[in-house]
Amino acid sequence: MSFAEQQTRLQAFLDADDLHEEALDYMAAHGFLTALAISSEEVPEDEWLTALFSEEPNYANPAEKQAIEEALRNLLQHITRALASDEDMELPCDLDLGEEPDDSDLRGWCIGFMEGVFLREEAWFEQAEEEVSELLLPIMVGSGLFDEQEEFAEIVDDVDLVDDMVSQIPEVLTTLFLLCQAPEEKPALLKPRH
């Protein structure tokens, strides 16, 4: 089965209605795995699988369980390779929250990403708290999880600013990946470009 076929099957499985209500759908799972690929601290597979599904899905049989878990592992590897390449990563959705942000694929992706960050929150911020916080801002805004907080309220009300911020997400991911995975390259990366 090709990677694309495997992902189509995974998407159908994750987007079906019979998973636990807290389980991540395909878009959120993609965001979640992207955060895991960036995190400086590796999360054990059994832990992230539990977090992704919330409770063990009702697999049709052991072969389906194996196929779905393998598809998730392959997606994680695919994302890691994309982040390590020289090009900005392509998200599986439009970089646009649209008219109804809560229904947009991008919101789901950003929520999933933040779920991945929350799994190892300390590790994310221990190296370069300020830079990481700044880089995570577009994803935090995209997720809508922080809209109630005072410092986010002003941003959220400015539609053009939000559009501009979420359009930067692929670039931000590349920078975060370098920051968390190749700390020795950090100083050069963060020097202002003249």
Protein backbone atom coordinates (compact mmCIF):
# COMPACT_ATOMS: atom_id res chain seq x y z
CA MET A 1 0.00 0.00 0.00
CA SER A 2 1.41 3.39 -0.98
CA PHE A 3 1.86 6.16 1.58
CA ALA A 4 -1.01 8.13 0.00
CA GLU A 5 -3.36 5.12 0.13
CA GLN A 6 -2.36 4.43 3.70
CA GLN A 7 -3.09 8.05 4.66
CA THR A 8 -6.48 8.00 2.92
CA ARG A 9 -7.38 4.94 4.99
CA LEU A 10 -6.05 6.61 8.16
CA GLN A 11 -8.06 9.76 7.45
CA ALA A 12 -11.27 7.76 6.97
CA PHE A 13 -10.60 5.96 10.26
CA LEU A 14 -9.81 9.09 12.29
CA ASP A 15 -12.67 11.12 10.81
CA ALA A 16 -15.29 8.44 11.46
CA ASP A 17 -17.86 9.14 14.18
CA ASP A 18 -17.28 6.01 16.24
CA LEU A 19 -14.05 7.14 17.94
CA HIS A 20 -14.08 8.62 21.45
CA GLU A 21 -15.36 12.22 21.38
CA GLU A 22 -11.98 13.47 22.65
CA ALA A 23 -10.01 11.55 20.00
CA LEU A 24 -8.20 13.66 17.41
CA ASP A 25 -9.50 13.68 13.85
CA TYR A 26 -7.06 13.49 10.92
CA MET A 27 -6.26 17.23 10.78
CA ALA A 28 -5.72 17.46 14.54
CA ALA A 29 -3.67 14.24 14.50
CA HIS A 30 -1.43 15.72 11.79
CA GLY A 31 -0.87 18.82 13.92
CA PHE A 32 -0.30 16.66 17.00
CA LEU A 33 2.32 14.51 15.25
CA THR A 34 4.01 17.64 13.86
CA ALA A 35 4.46 18.90 17.43
CA LEU A 36 5.86 15.51 18.46
CA ALA A 37 8.32 15.62 15.55
CA ILE A 38 9.55 19.05 16.69
CA SER A 39 9.64 18.44 20.45
CA SER A 40 13.15 18.22 21.89
CA GLU A 41 11.96 15.44 24.21
CA GLU A 42 10.76 12.25 22.58
CA VAL A 43 7.33 11.05 23.68
CA PRO A 44 7.01 7.23 23.90
CA GLU A 45 4.70 5.80 21.26
CA ASP A 46 2.26 4.17 23.69
CA GLU A 47 1.85 7.53 25.43
CA TRP A 48 1.14 9.53 22.29
CA LEU A 49 -1.19 6.87 20.91
CA THR A 50 -3.19 7.01 24.15
CA ALA A 51 -3.30 10.82 24.00
CA LEU A 52 -4.33 10.81 20.34
CA PHE A 53 -7.21 8.35 20.75
CA SER A 54 -8.25 9.18 24.34
CA GLU A 55 -9.33 5.56 24.66
CA GLU A 56 -8.55 2.44 22.63
CA PRO A 57 -10.63 2.50 19.41
CA ASN A 58 -12.94 -0.41 18.61
CA TYR A 59 -10.77 -1.93 15.92
CA ALA A 60 -12.43 -4.43 13.61
CA ASN A 61 -9.54 -6.83 14.19
CA PRO A 62 -5.85 -6.90 15.20
CA ALA A 63 -4.83 -6.33 11.58
CA GLU A 64 -6.75 -3.04 11.48
CA LYS A 65 -5.10 -1.89 14.73
CA GLN A 66 -1.69 -2.73 13.28
CA ALA A 67 -2.46 -0.93 9.99
CA ILE A 68 -3.75 2.24 11.68
CA GLU A 69 -0.83 2.44 14.13
CA GLU A 70 1.64 1.84 11.31
CA ALA A 71 -0.03 4.58 9.25
CA LEU A 72 0.38 6.99 12.19
CA ARG A 73 4.05 6.01 12.61
CA ASN A 74 4.64 6.54 8.89
CA LEU A 75 2.91 9.91 9.02
CA LEU A 76 5.16 10.95 11.92
CA GLN A 77 8.25 9.90 9.93
CA HIS A 78 6.95 11.70 6.84
CA ILE A 79 6.41 14.91 8.84
CA THR A 80 9.85 14.62 10.47
CA ARG A 81 11.50 14.27 7.05
CA ALA A 82 9.54 17.25 5.72
CA LEU A 83 10.63 19.38 8.68
CA ALA A 84 14.26 18.35 8.27
CA SER A 85 14.28 19.23 4.58
CA ASP A 86 15.24 22.69 3.39
CA GLU A 87 11.72 23.57 2.34
CA ASP A 88 8.85 24.83 4.47
CA MET A 89 6.45 22.06 5.37
CA GLU A 90 3.14 21.90 3.55
CA LEU A 91 0.14 21.61 5.82
CA PRO A 92 -2.66 19.22 4.81
CA CYS A 93 -5.11 22.14 4.87
CA ASP A 94 -5.47 25.73 3.66
CA LEU A 95 -3.67 28.36 5.71
CA ASP A 96 -6.94 30.12 6.30
CA LEU A 97 -9.44 30.11 9.16
CA GLY A 98 -12.26 31.18 6.81
CA GLU A 99 -15.60 32.67 7.79
CA GLU A 100 -16.21 30.12 10.54
CA PRO A 101 -12.83 29.57 12.25
CA ASP A 102 -14.20 26.87 14.58
CA ASP A 103 -15.15 24.74 11.57
CA SER A 104 -11.90 25.21 9.67
CA ASP A 105 -9.37 22.46 9.09
CA LEU A 106 -6.59 24.85 10.11
CA ARG A 107 -8.15 25.37 13.54
CA GLY A 108 -8.28 21.60 14.03
CA TRP A 109 -4.65 21.27 12.93
CA CYS A 110 -3.53 24.03 15.35
CA ILE A 111 -5.49 22.51 18.25
CA GLY A 112 -3.83 19.15 17.58
CA PHE A 113 -0.42 20.83 17.49
CA MET A 114 -1.02 22.49 20.85
CA GLU A 115 -2.16 19.14 22.31
CA GLY A 116 1.23 17.79 21.25
CA VAL A 117 3.00 20.72 22.92
CA PHE A 118 1.02 20.21 26.16
CA LEU A 119 2.31 16.60 26.37
CA ARG A 120 5.85 17.93 27.04
CA GLU A 121 5.26 21.59 27.82
CA GLU A 122 8.35 22.00 30.02
CA ALA A 123 10.67 20.56 27.38
CA TRP A 124 9.32 23.01 24.79
CA PHE A 125 10.18 26.06 26.83
CA GLU A 126 13.30 25.06 28.76
CA GLN A 127 15.82 25.92 26.01
CA ALA A 128 14.66 29.24 24.59
CA GLU A 129 11.42 30.24 26.24
CA GLU A 130 11.08 33.64 24.59
CA GLU A 131 11.84 32.50 21.04
CA VAL A 132 9.63 29.42 21.33
CA SER A 133 6.74 31.46 22.76
CA GLU A 134 7.06 33.94 19.92
CA LEU A 135 7.24 31.22 17.28
CA LEU A 136 4.26 29.35 18.73
CA LEU A 137 2.09 32.49 18.69
CA PRO A 138 0.62 31.99 15.17
CA ILE A 139 -0.34 28.40 16.05
CA MET A 140 -1.78 29.47 19.42
CA VAL A 141 -3.85 32.15 17.67
CA GLY A 142 -4.93 29.64 15.01
CA SER A 143 -6.04 27.15 17.67
CA GLY A 144 -8.52 29.53 19.29
CA LEU A 145 -7.66 27.92 22.64
CA PHE A 146 -6.39 31.18 24.08
CA ASP A 147 -9.01 33.62 22.74
CA GLU A 148 -10.29 34.35 26.24
CA GLN A 149 -6.89 35.56 27.41
CA GLU A 150 -6.43 39.31 27.44
CA GLU A 151 -3.28 39.43 25.33
CA PHE A 152 -4.96 37.34 22.62
CA ALA A 153 -8.22 39.28 22.49
CA GLU A 154 -6.71 42.20 20.57
CA ILE A 155 -5.02 39.91 18.04
CA VAL A 156 -8.16 37.85 17.45
CA ASP A 157 -10.20 40.98 16.70
CA ASP A 158 -7.78 41.97 13.92
CA VAL A 159 -8.74 39.67 11.04
CA ASP A 160 -5.88 40.82 8.79
CA LEU A 161 -3.33 40.24 11.56
CA VAL A 162 -4.71 36.74 12.21
CA ASP A 163 -4.57 35.93 8.47
CA ASP A 164 -1.01 37.18 8.31
CA MET A 165 0.00 35.18 11.37
CA VAL A 166 -1.50 31.86 10.28
CA SER A 167 0.07 32.23 6.83
CA GLN A 168 3.47 32.11 8.59
CA ILE A 169 2.87 28.69 10.19
CA PRO A 170 4.92 26.58 7.70
CA GLU A 171 7.92 28.91 8.12
CA VAL A 172 7.49 28.89 11.90
CA LEU A 173 7.52 25.07 11.95
CA THR A 174 10.86 24.93 10.16
CA THR A 175 12.38 27.42 12.60
CA LEU A 176 10.94 25.61 15.63
CA PHE A 177 12.29 22.31 14.33
CA LEU A 178 15.81 23.74 14.03
CA LEU A 179 15.55 25.43 17.39
CA CYS A 180 14.45 22.26 19.20
CA GLN A 181 16.34 19.62 17.22
CA ALA A 182 19.62 21.38 16.36
CA PRO A 183 20.33 23.71 19.28
CA GLU A 184 23.97 24.14 18.27
CA GLU A 185 22.75 25.94 15.13
CA LYS A 186 20.49 28.18 17.18
CA PRO A 187 22.60 31.34 17.48
CA ALA A 188 23.07 31.68 13.72
CA LEU A 189 19.40 30.96 13.16
CA LEU A 190 18.19 33.70 15.44
CA LYS A 191 20.66 36.43 14.51
CA PRO A 192 18.83 39.27 12.81
CA ARG A 193 19.23 39.12 9.08
CA HIS A 194 21.04 42.19 7.79
